[in-house]
Amino acid sequence: MTEKDKKMKYGPGKIINEFDVDGNNVLFRVLKPTDAEQALKYINTLIKERVNILWQKPFTMKQEKEWVKGELKKNKEGNSINVVVEVNGKMVGVGRVERKLGHAQEHVCVVGLSLLKEFRALGMGKRLMNILCKLGADELKCTIADLDVYDRNEIAKRLYHKLGFKEYGRMPNGLNHYGEFCDHVYMYKELNK
């Protein structure tokens, strides 16, 4: 970790939250350079599960290392924070909040998260989304959180509605999930309300 990283409030590896779920230690922390191997296993597991994410083809280690490097650069620049969810030391989820670029929309952040199947419905997604929105408001100084979701993902849509997100648009058949088309739903939430 460099001196600049140590000075960053949410530098690589910084612990954001720690708690227990069903006797397991859960840690929310910032992405760090050594996460590429676990991140590769994580994303490729989601792809194998055929979950509702934009990526459908497995990644390589080279691609994952480049992704981690790029995300850490955005974090260092103060434009995003990537949160890793670890259970007993294993990466089981990720979340991200990123400020939109351009002066006209820099008050808006994009939030998103995913969890491995066996770690869903345990309250981690709700807790993580709340943390991402708080980071967006407090650290990135945003007043609106924006997200998008597959229309077919009823569980996620219910959670987002419960957390105060409202649908503001949709693109009919905007997502192709392994050859099956569904609407791409856009939602927003005003932060600090």
N, C-alpha and C. Protein backbone atom coordinates (compact mmCIF):
# COMPACT_ATOMS: atom_id res chain seq x y z
N MET A 1 0.84 -1.17 0.00
CA MET A 1 0.00 0.00 0.00
C MET A 1 0.89 1.24 0.00
N THR A 2 0.60 2.17 -0.89
CA THR A 2 1.40 3.39 -0.99
C THR A 2 0.98 4.40 0.08
N GLU A 3 1.79 5.44 0.25
CA GLU A 3 1.47 6.51 1.21
C GLU A 3 0.15 7.19 0.84
N LYS A 4 -0.06 7.39 -0.48
CA LYS A 4 -1.30 8.03 -0.92
C LYS A 4 -2.50 7.15 -0.57
N ASP A 5 -2.36 5.82 -0.74
CA ASP A 5 -3.44 4.90 -0.39
C ASP A 5 -3.77 4.99 1.09
N LYS A 6 -2.75 5.10 1.93
CA LYS A 6 -2.95 5.17 3.38
C LYS A 6 -3.72 6.43 3.77
N LYS A 7 -3.55 7.51 3.01
CA LYS A 7 -4.22 8.76 3.31
C LYS A 7 -5.66 8.76 2.83
N MET A 8 -6.00 7.91 1.87
CA MET A 8 -7.36 7.85 1.34
C MET A 8 -8.29 7.27 2.41
N LYS A 9 -9.44 7.90 2.59
CA LYS A 9 -10.39 7.42 3.58
C LYS A 9 -10.85 6.00 3.26
N TYR A 10 -11.03 5.73 1.98
CA TYR A 10 -11.47 4.39 1.56
C TYR A 10 -10.45 3.79 0.60
N GLY A 11 -9.21 3.69 1.06
CA GLY A 11 -8.13 3.11 0.28
C GLY A 11 -8.26 1.59 0.20
N PRO A 12 -7.46 0.96 -0.63
CA PRO A 12 -7.51 -0.49 -0.85
C PRO A 12 -7.48 -1.29 0.47
N GLY A 13 -8.44 -2.20 0.61
CA GLY A 13 -8.50 -3.09 1.77
C GLY A 13 -9.18 -2.50 2.99
N LYS A 14 -9.55 -1.22 2.96
CA LYS A 14 -10.17 -0.56 4.11
C LYS A 14 -11.46 -1.30 4.50
N ILE A 15 -11.56 -1.65 5.78
CA ILE A 15 -12.76 -2.32 6.29
C ILE A 15 -13.86 -1.27 6.48
N ILE A 16 -15.03 -1.55 5.91
CA ILE A 16 -16.16 -0.64 5.98
C ILE A 16 -17.16 -1.11 7.03
N ASN A 17 -17.37 -2.42 7.11
CA ASN A 17 -18.36 -2.97 8.03
C ASN A 17 -18.00 -4.43 8.31
N GLU A 18 -18.26 -4.86 9.53
CA GLU A 18 -18.01 -6.26 9.90
C GLU A 18 -19.14 -6.70 10.82
N PHE A 19 -19.68 -7.89 10.56
CA PHE A 19 -20.79 -8.40 11.36
C PHE A 19 -20.86 -9.92 11.19
N ASP A 20 -21.75 -10.57 11.91
CA ASP A 20 -21.94 -12.02 11.81
C ASP A 20 -23.31 -12.33 11.24
N VAL A 21 -23.38 -13.36 10.41
CA VAL A 21 -24.63 -13.88 9.88
C VAL A 21 -24.58 -15.40 10.04
N ASP A 22 -25.51 -15.93 10.78
CA ASP A 22 -25.59 -17.38 11.01
C ASP A 22 -24.24 -17.95 11.47
N GLY A 23 -23.55 -17.24 12.36
CA GLY A 23 -22.28 -17.72 12.90
C GLY A 23 -21.09 -17.53 11.98
N ASN A 24 -21.29 -16.88 10.85
CA ASN A 24 -20.19 -16.62 9.90
C ASN A 24 -19.78 -15.16 9.96
N ASN A 25 -18.47 -14.92 9.90
CA ASN A 25 -17.93 -13.57 9.89
C ASN A 25 -18.09 -12.97 8.50
N VAL A 26 -18.78 -11.82 8.43
CA VAL A 26 -18.99 -11.12 7.16
C VAL A 26 -18.23 -9.80 7.23
N LEU A 27 -17.49 -9.53 6.18
CA LEU A 27 -16.67 -8.32 6.11
C LEU A 27 -16.98 -7.60 4.81
N PHE A 28 -17.29 -6.31 4.91
CA PHE A 28 -17.40 -5.43 3.75
C PHE A 28 -16.13 -4.59 3.75
N ARG A 29 -15.35 -4.67 2.68
CA ARG A 29 -14.10 -3.91 2.60
C ARG A 29 -13.88 -3.43 1.18
N VAL A 30 -12.97 -2.49 1.05
CA VAL A 30 -12.65 -1.94 -0.27
C VAL A 30 -11.77 -2.93 -1.04
N LEU A 31 -12.01 -2.99 -2.34
CA LEU A 31 -11.21 -3.80 -3.25
C LEU A 31 -9.73 -3.49 -3.08
N LYS A 32 -8.87 -4.51 -3.20
CA LYS A 32 -7.42 -4.30 -3.09
C LYS A 32 -6.72 -5.01 -4.24
N PRO A 33 -5.46 -4.64 -4.53
CA PRO A 33 -4.74 -5.19 -5.70
C PRO A 33 -4.64 -6.71 -5.71
N THR A 34 -4.62 -7.35 -4.57
CA THR A 34 -4.46 -8.81 -4.52
C THR A 34 -5.78 -9.56 -4.69
N ASP A 35 -6.86 -8.88 -5.03
CA ASP A 35 -8.18 -9.51 -5.15
C ASP A 35 -8.45 -10.18 -6.50
N ALA A 36 -7.56 -10.03 -7.46
CA ALA A 36 -7.86 -10.51 -8.82
C ALA A 36 -8.21 -12.00 -8.87
N GLU A 37 -7.48 -12.84 -8.17
CA GLU A 37 -7.75 -14.29 -8.24
C GLU A 37 -9.13 -14.62 -7.68
N GLN A 38 -9.44 -14.08 -6.49
CA GLN A 38 -10.77 -14.34 -5.92
C GLN A 38 -11.88 -13.71 -6.76
N ALA A 39 -11.61 -12.51 -7.30
CA ALA A 39 -12.60 -11.83 -8.14
C ALA A 39 -12.88 -12.64 -9.41
N LEU A 40 -11.86 -13.26 -9.97
CA LEU A 40 -12.04 -14.09 -11.16
C LEU A 40 -12.93 -15.29 -10.85
N LYS A 41 -12.65 -15.97 -9.75
CA LYS A 41 -13.49 -17.11 -9.34
C LYS A 41 -14.93 -16.65 -9.12
N TYR A 42 -15.07 -15.50 -8.48
CA TYR A 42 -16.39 -14.97 -8.16
C TYR A 42 -17.20 -14.68 -9.43
N ILE A 43 -16.66 -13.86 -10.34
CA ILE A 43 -17.42 -13.49 -11.54
C ILE A 43 -17.71 -14.71 -12.41
N ASN A 44 -16.75 -15.61 -12.52
CA ASN A 44 -16.98 -16.80 -13.35
C ASN A 44 -18.00 -17.74 -12.73
N THR A 45 -18.11 -17.75 -11.40
CA THR A 45 -19.16 -18.53 -10.73
C THR A 45 -20.52 -17.93 -11.05
N LEU A 46 -20.64 -16.60 -11.00
CA LEU A 46 -21.91 -15.95 -11.35
C LEU A 46 -22.30 -16.27 -12.79
N ILE A 47 -21.31 -16.21 -13.68
CA ILE A 47 -21.58 -16.50 -15.10
C ILE A 47 -22.04 -17.94 -15.26
N LYS A 48 -21.40 -18.85 -14.55
CA LYS A 48 -21.79 -20.27 -14.62
C LYS A 48 -23.22 -20.47 -14.08
N GLU A 49 -23.59 -19.70 -13.05
CA GLU A 49 -24.95 -19.77 -12.49
C GLU A 49 -25.98 -19.15 -13.43
N ARG A 50 -25.52 -18.40 -14.42
CA ARG A 50 -26.38 -17.71 -15.38
C ARG A 50 -27.28 -16.69 -14.68
N VAL A 51 -26.69 -15.96 -13.72
CA VAL A 51 -27.46 -14.94 -13.02
C VAL A 51 -27.72 -13.75 -13.92
N ASN A 52 -28.56 -12.85 -13.45
CA ASN A 52 -28.95 -11.67 -14.22
C ASN A 52 -27.89 -10.58 -14.13
N ILE A 53 -26.78 -10.78 -14.82
CA ILE A 53 -25.72 -9.77 -14.92
C ILE A 53 -25.42 -9.55 -16.40
N LEU A 54 -24.70 -8.50 -16.70
CA LEU A 54 -24.43 -8.16 -18.10
C LEU A 54 -23.44 -9.10 -18.77
N TRP A 55 -22.58 -9.76 -18.00
CA TRP A 55 -21.53 -10.60 -18.57
C TRP A 55 -22.01 -12.04 -18.65
N GLN A 56 -21.73 -12.70 -19.78
CA GLN A 56 -22.19 -14.07 -19.99
C GLN A 56 -21.09 -15.02 -20.43
N LYS A 57 -19.89 -14.50 -20.67
CA LYS A 57 -18.76 -15.34 -21.07
C LYS A 57 -17.67 -15.25 -20.00
N PRO A 58 -17.03 -16.37 -19.66
CA PRO A 58 -16.00 -16.36 -18.61
C PRO A 58 -14.85 -15.39 -18.91
N PHE A 59 -14.30 -14.85 -17.83
CA PHE A 59 -13.16 -13.94 -17.91
C PHE A 59 -11.86 -14.71 -17.71
N THR A 60 -10.76 -14.10 -18.16
CA THR A 60 -9.43 -14.67 -17.95
C THR A 60 -8.75 -13.92 -16.80
N MET A 61 -7.67 -14.47 -16.30
CA MET A 61 -6.93 -13.81 -15.23
C MET A 61 -6.40 -12.45 -15.70
N LYS A 62 -5.94 -12.39 -16.94
CA LYS A 62 -5.43 -11.13 -17.48
C LYS A 62 -6.53 -10.06 -17.47
N GLN A 63 -7.72 -10.42 -17.91
CA GLN A 63 -8.83 -9.47 -17.92
C GLN A 63 -9.18 -9.03 -16.50
N GLU A 64 -9.18 -9.96 -15.57
CA GLU A 64 -9.55 -9.63 -14.19
C GLU A 64 -8.53 -8.72 -13.53
N LYS A 65 -7.25 -8.99 -13.79
CA LYS A 65 -6.20 -8.12 -13.24
C LYS A 65 -6.36 -6.70 -13.79
N GLU A 66 -6.68 -6.58 -15.07
CA GLU A 66 -6.87 -5.26 -15.67
C GLU A 66 -8.10 -4.58 -15.08
N TRP A 67 -9.16 -5.35 -14.83
CA TRP A 67 -10.36 -4.78 -14.21
C TRP A 67 -10.04 -4.24 -12.82
N VAL A 68 -9.35 -5.05 -12.00
CA VAL A 68 -8.99 -4.62 -10.63
C VAL A 68 -8.14 -3.35 -10.70
N LYS A 69 -7.17 -3.34 -11.57
CA LYS A 69 -6.28 -2.18 -11.72
C LYS A 69 -7.09 -0.93 -12.09
N GLY A 70 -8.00 -1.07 -13.04
CA GLY A 70 -8.83 0.06 -13.48
C GLY A 70 -9.75 0.56 -12.39
N GLU A 71 -10.34 -0.36 -11.63
CA GLU A 71 -11.25 0.04 -10.55
C GLU A 71 -10.49 0.74 -9.43
N LEU A 72 -9.27 0.25 -9.12
CA LEU A 72 -8.47 0.89 -8.08
C LEU A 72 -8.06 2.30 -8.50
N LYS A 73 -7.82 2.49 -9.79
CA LYS A 73 -7.47 3.82 -10.30
C LYS A 73 -8.65 4.78 -10.10
N LYS A 74 -9.87 4.33 -10.43
CA LYS A 74 -11.06 5.17 -10.24
C LYS A 74 -11.26 5.50 -8.77
N ASN A 75 -11.00 4.51 -7.90
CA ASN A 75 -11.12 4.73 -6.46
C ASN A 75 -10.13 5.81 -6.02
N LYS A 76 -8.89 5.68 -6.47
CA LYS A 76 -7.84 6.64 -6.09
C LYS A 76 -8.18 8.05 -6.57
N GLU A 77 -8.83 8.14 -7.73
CA GLU A 77 -9.22 9.44 -8.28
C GLU A 77 -10.44 10.03 -7.55
N GLY A 78 -11.06 9.22 -6.69
CA GLY A 78 -12.21 9.69 -5.92
C GLY A 78 -13.53 9.60 -6.66
N ASN A 79 -13.59 8.77 -7.72
CA ASN A 79 -14.81 8.67 -8.50
C ASN A 79 -15.64 7.42 -8.23
N SER A 80 -15.09 6.45 -7.52
CA SER A 80 -15.86 5.25 -7.22
C SER A 80 -15.27 4.53 -6.02
N ILE A 81 -16.08 3.65 -5.46
CA ILE A 81 -15.64 2.78 -4.38
C ILE A 81 -16.21 1.39 -4.66
N ASN A 82 -15.32 0.42 -4.76
CA ASN A 82 -15.73 -0.98 -4.95
C ASN A 82 -15.66 -1.68 -3.60
N VAL A 83 -16.75 -2.31 -3.22
CA VAL A 83 -16.83 -3.00 -1.94
C VAL A 83 -16.87 -4.51 -2.18
N VAL A 84 -15.97 -5.22 -1.51
CA VAL A 84 -15.92 -6.68 -1.56
C VAL A 84 -16.66 -7.21 -0.34
N VAL A 85 -17.47 -8.25 -0.55
CA VAL A 85 -18.14 -8.93 0.55
C VAL A 85 -17.40 -10.25 0.77
N GLU A 86 -16.85 -10.41 1.96
CA GLU A 86 -16.15 -11.64 2.31
C GLU A 86 -16.90 -12.35 3.43
N VAL A 87 -17.03 -13.66 3.30
CA VAL A 87 -17.55 -14.48 4.38
C VAL A 87 -16.47 -15.48 4.73
N ASN A 88 -16.01 -15.40 5.97
CA ASN A 88 -14.93 -16.25 6.45
C ASN A 88 -13.73 -16.24 5.49
N GLY A 89 -13.41 -15.05 4.96
CA GLY A 89 -12.24 -14.87 4.11
C GLY A 89 -12.45 -15.16 2.63
N LYS A 90 -13.66 -15.59 2.23
CA LYS A 90 -13.95 -15.91 0.82
C LYS A 90 -14.81 -14.80 0.22
N MET A 91 -14.43 -14.34 -0.99
CA MET A 91 -15.23 -13.34 -1.69
C MET A 91 -16.54 -13.95 -2.15
N VAL A 92 -17.65 -13.40 -1.65
CA VAL A 92 -18.97 -13.94 -2.00
C VAL A 92 -19.88 -12.88 -2.61
N GLY A 93 -19.37 -11.66 -2.74
CA GLY A 93 -20.18 -10.59 -3.31
C GLY A 93 -19.33 -9.37 -3.59
N VAL A 94 -19.90 -8.49 -4.40
CA VAL A 94 -19.26 -7.21 -4.68
C VAL A 94 -20.35 -6.15 -4.83
N GLY A 95 -19.96 -4.92 -4.52
CA GLY A 95 -20.84 -3.78 -4.72
C GLY A 95 -19.99 -2.64 -5.22
N ARG A 96 -20.65 -1.69 -5.86
CA ARG A 96 -19.89 -0.58 -6.43
C ARG A 96 -20.76 0.66 -6.45
N VAL A 97 -20.15 1.77 -6.14
CA VAL A 97 -20.79 3.08 -6.30
C VAL A 97 -19.82 3.93 -7.09
N GLU A 98 -20.33 4.55 -8.15
CA GLU A 98 -19.47 5.36 -9.03
C GLU A 98 -20.20 6.63 -9.44
N ARG A 99 -19.52 7.75 -9.28
CA ARG A 99 -20.08 9.04 -9.69
C ARG A 99 -20.12 9.08 -11.21
N LYS A 100 -21.23 9.60 -11.75
CA LYS A 100 -21.32 9.77 -13.20
C LYS A 100 -20.38 10.89 -13.64
N LEU A 101 -19.86 10.76 -14.84
CA LEU A 101 -18.93 11.75 -15.38
C LEU A 101 -19.69 12.89 -16.05
N GLY A 102 -19.06 14.04 -16.09
CA GLY A 102 -19.67 15.21 -16.72
C GLY A 102 -20.27 16.12 -15.67
N HIS A 103 -19.98 17.40 -15.75
CA HIS A 103 -20.43 18.36 -14.75
C HIS A 103 -21.93 18.33 -14.54
N ALA A 104 -22.69 18.12 -15.59
CA ALA A 104 -24.14 18.18 -15.49
C ALA A 104 -24.74 17.02 -14.70
N GLN A 105 -24.00 15.93 -14.53
CA GLN A 105 -24.56 14.79 -13.81
C GLN A 105 -23.65 14.25 -12.71
N GLU A 106 -22.67 15.05 -12.27
CA GLU A 106 -21.75 14.55 -11.24
C GLU A 106 -22.40 14.45 -9.87
N HIS A 107 -23.64 14.88 -9.74
CA HIS A 107 -24.39 14.72 -8.49
C HIS A 107 -25.12 13.37 -8.44
N VAL A 108 -24.94 12.57 -9.51
CA VAL A 108 -25.61 11.26 -9.61
C VAL A 108 -24.55 10.16 -9.53
N CYS A 109 -24.83 9.14 -8.73
CA CYS A 109 -23.95 7.98 -8.68
C CYS A 109 -24.71 6.74 -9.13
N VAL A 110 -23.98 5.81 -9.70
CA VAL A 110 -24.54 4.54 -10.13
C VAL A 110 -24.14 3.50 -9.08
N VAL A 111 -25.12 2.74 -8.62
CA VAL A 111 -24.87 1.70 -7.63
C VAL A 111 -25.25 0.35 -8.20
N GLY A 112 -24.56 -0.68 -7.74
CA GLY A 112 -24.89 -2.04 -8.16
C GLY A 112 -24.23 -3.04 -7.24
N LEU A 113 -24.81 -4.23 -7.19
CA LEU A 113 -24.25 -5.28 -6.34
C LEU A 113 -24.63 -6.64 -6.87
N SER A 114 -23.88 -7.64 -6.41
CA SER A 114 -24.21 -9.04 -6.70
C SER A 114 -23.67 -9.90 -5.57
N LEU A 115 -24.31 -11.04 -5.38
CA LEU A 115 -23.91 -12.01 -4.35
C LEU A 115 -24.02 -13.41 -4.91
N LEU A 116 -23.15 -14.30 -4.45
CA LEU A 116 -23.29 -15.71 -4.83
C LEU A 116 -24.61 -16.26 -4.30
N LYS A 117 -25.15 -17.25 -4.99
CA LYS A 117 -26.48 -17.79 -4.70
C LYS A 117 -26.68 -18.15 -3.22
N GLU A 118 -25.70 -18.83 -2.63
CA GLU A 118 -25.89 -19.31 -1.25
C GLU A 118 -25.83 -18.19 -0.21
N PHE A 119 -25.53 -16.96 -0.64
CA PHE A 119 -25.44 -15.84 0.30
C PHE A 119 -26.52 -14.79 0.05
N ARG A 120 -27.48 -15.14 -0.79
CA ARG A 120 -28.62 -14.26 -1.02
C ARG A 120 -29.70 -14.56 0.03
N ALA A 121 -30.59 -13.63 0.23
CA ALA A 121 -31.72 -13.76 1.17
C ALA A 121 -31.27 -13.87 2.63
N LEU A 122 -30.09 -13.32 2.94
CA LEU A 122 -29.59 -13.30 4.32
C LEU A 122 -29.48 -11.87 4.85
N GLY A 123 -29.96 -10.91 4.07
CA GLY A 123 -29.90 -9.51 4.48
C GLY A 123 -28.64 -8.78 4.06
N MET A 124 -27.70 -9.50 3.45
CA MET A 124 -26.44 -8.86 3.04
C MET A 124 -26.64 -7.88 1.90
N GLY A 125 -27.50 -8.21 0.95
CA GLY A 125 -27.74 -7.31 -0.18
C GLY A 125 -28.35 -5.99 0.27
N LYS A 126 -29.31 -6.07 1.18
CA LYS A 126 -29.94 -4.85 1.71
C LYS A 126 -28.90 -4.00 2.44
N ARG A 127 -28.12 -4.65 3.28
CA ARG A 127 -27.10 -3.94 4.05
C ARG A 127 -26.06 -3.30 3.13
N LEU A 128 -25.64 -4.05 2.11
CA LEU A 128 -24.65 -3.55 1.16
C LEU A 128 -25.20 -2.37 0.36
N MET A 129 -26.44 -2.47 -0.12
CA MET A 129 -27.02 -1.36 -0.90
C MET A 129 -27.13 -0.11 -0.05
N ASN A 130 -27.51 -0.27 1.22
CA ASN A 130 -27.57 0.90 2.11
C ASN A 130 -26.19 1.54 2.27
N ILE A 131 -25.16 0.72 2.40
CA ILE A 131 -23.79 1.24 2.53
C ILE A 131 -23.35 1.94 1.24
N LEU A 132 -23.66 1.35 0.10
CA LEU A 132 -23.29 1.97 -1.18
C LEU A 132 -23.95 3.33 -1.34
N CYS A 133 -25.22 3.43 -0.96
CA CYS A 133 -25.92 4.72 -1.06
C CYS A 133 -25.32 5.74 -0.09
N LYS A 134 -24.96 5.30 1.10
CA LYS A 134 -24.34 6.20 2.08
C LYS A 134 -22.98 6.68 1.57
N LEU A 135 -22.19 5.77 1.00
CA LEU A 135 -20.90 6.16 0.43
C LEU A 135 -21.10 7.15 -0.71
N GLY A 136 -22.11 6.90 -1.53
CA GLY A 136 -22.41 7.82 -2.64
C GLY A 136 -22.72 9.21 -2.15
N ALA A 137 -23.52 9.29 -1.08
CA ALA A 137 -23.90 10.59 -0.53
C ALA A 137 -22.74 11.24 0.23
N ASP A 138 -22.14 10.50 1.14
CA ASP A 138 -21.14 11.09 2.04
C ASP A 138 -19.77 11.27 1.41
N GLU A 139 -19.33 10.31 0.62
CA GLU A 139 -17.96 10.35 0.08
C GLU A 139 -17.90 10.94 -1.33
N LEU A 140 -18.86 10.57 -2.18
CA LEU A 140 -18.85 11.06 -3.56
C LEU A 140 -19.69 12.32 -3.72
N LYS A 141 -20.37 12.71 -2.64
CA LYS A 141 -21.18 13.95 -2.61
C LYS A 141 -22.29 13.95 -3.65
N CYS A 142 -22.91 12.79 -3.82
CA CYS A 142 -24.02 12.67 -4.77
C CYS A 142 -25.36 12.82 -4.05
N THR A 143 -26.36 13.27 -4.79
CA THR A 143 -27.69 13.44 -4.21
C THR A 143 -28.71 12.46 -4.80
N ILE A 144 -28.31 11.75 -5.84
CA ILE A 144 -29.20 10.76 -6.48
C ILE A 144 -28.41 9.50 -6.76
N ALA A 145 -29.00 8.35 -6.43
CA ALA A 145 -28.43 7.05 -6.78
C ALA A 145 -29.24 6.47 -7.93
N ASP A 146 -28.55 5.89 -8.90
CA ASP A 146 -29.16 5.34 -10.10
C ASP A 146 -28.75 3.88 -10.21
N LEU A 147 -29.65 3.04 -10.65
CA LEU A 147 -29.30 1.63 -10.90
C LEU A 147 -30.14 1.09 -12.03
N ASP A 148 -29.73 -0.05 -12.54
CA ASP A 148 -30.53 -0.73 -13.54
C ASP A 148 -30.62 -2.20 -13.17
N VAL A 149 -31.69 -2.85 -13.63
CA VAL A 149 -31.96 -4.22 -13.22
C VAL A 149 -32.75 -4.93 -14.32
N TYR A 150 -32.55 -6.23 -14.40
CA TYR A 150 -33.34 -7.06 -15.30
C TYR A 150 -34.78 -7.07 -14.80
N ASP A 151 -35.75 -6.87 -15.69
CA ASP A 151 -37.15 -6.90 -15.30
C ASP A 151 -37.53 -8.26 -14.69
N ARG A 152 -36.88 -9.31 -15.13
CA ARG A 152 -37.18 -10.66 -14.65
C ARG A 152 -36.64 -10.91 -13.24
N ASN A 153 -35.82 -10.01 -12.71
CA ASN A 153 -35.21 -10.19 -11.39
C ASN A 153 -36.14 -9.59 -10.32
N GLU A 154 -37.22 -10.31 -10.02
CA GLU A 154 -38.24 -9.83 -9.10
C GLU A 154 -37.70 -9.59 -7.69
N ILE A 155 -36.81 -10.46 -7.23
CA ILE A 155 -36.27 -10.32 -5.87
C ILE A 155 -35.50 -9.01 -5.74
N ALA A 156 -34.64 -8.72 -6.71
CA ALA A 156 -33.87 -7.48 -6.67
C ALA A 156 -34.79 -6.27 -6.77
N LYS A 157 -35.77 -6.31 -7.65
CA LYS A 157 -36.68 -5.17 -7.80
C LYS A 157 -37.45 -4.91 -6.51
N ARG A 158 -37.89 -5.98 -5.83
CA ARG A 158 -38.60 -5.81 -4.55
C ARG A 158 -37.68 -5.15 -3.51
N LEU A 159 -36.43 -5.63 -3.45
CA LEU A 159 -35.48 -5.04 -2.50
C LEU A 159 -35.27 -3.56 -2.80
N TYR A 160 -35.04 -3.22 -4.06
CA TYR A 160 -34.78 -1.83 -4.42
C TYR A 160 -35.99 -0.94 -4.09
N HIS A 161 -37.20 -1.44 -4.35
CA HIS A 161 -38.41 -0.68 -3.99
C HIS A 161 -38.48 -0.47 -2.48
N LYS A 162 -38.20 -1.53 -1.71
CA LYS A 162 -38.21 -1.43 -0.24
C LYS A 162 -37.22 -0.38 0.25
N LEU A 163 -36.10 -0.25 -0.45
CA LEU A 163 -35.06 0.70 -0.06
C LEU A 163 -35.32 2.12 -0.57
N GLY A 164 -36.46 2.30 -1.25
CA GLY A 164 -36.84 3.64 -1.69
C GLY A 164 -36.53 3.99 -3.13
N PHE A 165 -36.07 3.02 -3.91
CA PHE A 165 -35.81 3.28 -5.33
C PHE A 165 -37.13 3.28 -6.09
N LYS A 166 -37.21 4.15 -7.10
CA LYS A 166 -38.41 4.25 -7.93
C LYS A 166 -38.03 4.03 -9.39
N GLU A 167 -38.88 3.32 -10.10
CA GLU A 167 -38.64 3.10 -11.52
C GLU A 167 -38.87 4.40 -12.27
N TYR A 168 -37.95 4.74 -13.18
CA TYR A 168 -38.13 5.94 -13.99
C TYR A 168 -38.10 5.64 -15.47
N GLY A 169 -37.91 4.40 -15.83
CA GLY A 169 -37.92 4.05 -17.25
C GLY A 169 -37.57 2.60 -17.48
N ARG A 170 -37.81 2.20 -18.70
CA ARG A 170 -37.45 0.84 -19.10
C ARG A 170 -37.25 0.79 -20.60
N MET A 171 -36.38 -0.10 -21.01
CA MET A 171 -36.15 -0.33 -22.43
C MET A 171 -36.72 -1.71 -22.75
N PRO A 172 -37.79 -1.76 -23.52
CA PRO A 172 -38.37 -3.06 -23.85
C PRO A 172 -37.35 -3.96 -24.56
N ASN A 173 -37.24 -5.18 -24.07
CA ASN A 173 -36.31 -6.17 -24.63
C ASN A 173 -34.87 -5.64 -24.69
N GLY A 174 -34.50 -4.80 -23.74
CA GLY A 174 -33.18 -4.18 -23.73
C GLY A 174 -32.06 -5.09 -23.25
N LEU A 175 -32.41 -6.23 -22.67
CA LEU A 175 -31.40 -7.16 -22.19
C LEU A 175 -31.61 -8.53 -22.80
N ASN A 176 -30.51 -9.14 -23.20
CA ASN A 176 -30.53 -10.47 -23.79
C ASN A 176 -29.88 -11.42 -22.79
N HIS A 177 -30.70 -12.23 -22.14
CA HIS A 177 -30.20 -13.17 -21.14
C HIS A 177 -30.13 -14.56 -21.78
N TYR A 178 -28.96 -14.86 -22.33
CA TYR A 178 -28.72 -16.16 -22.97
C TYR A 178 -29.80 -16.49 -24.00
N GLY A 179 -30.12 -15.50 -24.83
CA GLY A 179 -31.08 -15.72 -25.91
C GLY A 179 -32.51 -15.40 -25.56
N GLU A 180 -32.78 -15.07 -24.31
CA GLU A 180 -34.14 -14.72 -23.88
C GLU A 180 -34.15 -13.23 -23.54
N PHE A 181 -34.97 -12.46 -24.23
CA PHE A 181 -34.99 -11.01 -24.04
C PHE A 181 -35.95 -10.61 -22.92
N CYS A 182 -35.57 -9.55 -22.19
CA CYS A 182 -36.44 -8.98 -21.17
C CYS A 182 -36.17 -7.48 -21.08
N ASP A 183 -37.07 -6.78 -20.41
CA ASP A 183 -36.93 -5.33 -20.27
C ASP A 183 -35.76 -4.97 -19.36
N HIS A 184 -35.12 -3.86 -19.70
CA HIS A 184 -34.05 -3.28 -18.89
C HIS A 184 -34.70 -2.14 -18.09
N VAL A 185 -34.76 -2.31 -16.77
CA VAL A 185 -35.47 -1.37 -15.89
C VAL A 185 -34.47 -0.42 -15.24
N TYR A 186 -34.81 0.87 -15.22
CA TYR A 186 -33.97 1.91 -14.63
C TYR A 186 -34.67 2.47 -13.40
N MET A 187 -33.91 2.59 -12.29
CA MET A 187 -34.47 3.07 -11.03
C MET A 187 -33.56 4.12 -10.42
N TYR A 188 -34.14 4.97 -9.58
CA TYR A 188 -33.35 6.00 -8.89
C TYR A 188 -33.87 6.18 -7.47
N LYS A 189 -33.02 6.81 -6.66
CA LYS A 189 -33.38 7.13 -5.28
C LYS A 189 -32.70 8.45 -4.92
N GLU A 190 -33.45 9.34 -4.31
CA GLU A 190 -32.84 10.57 -3.80
C GLU A 190 -32.14 10.23 -2.50
N LEU A 191 -30.89 10.65 -2.39
CA LEU A 191 -30.09 10.35 -1.20
C LEU A 191 -30.26 11.45 -0.16
N ASN A 192 -29.99 11.09 1.09
CA ASN A 192 -30.08 12.03 2.23
C ASN A 192 -31.49 12.58 2.41
N LYS A 193 -32.49 11.77 2.14
CA LYS A 193 -33.89 12.20 2.37
C LYS A 193 -34.48 11.40 3.49
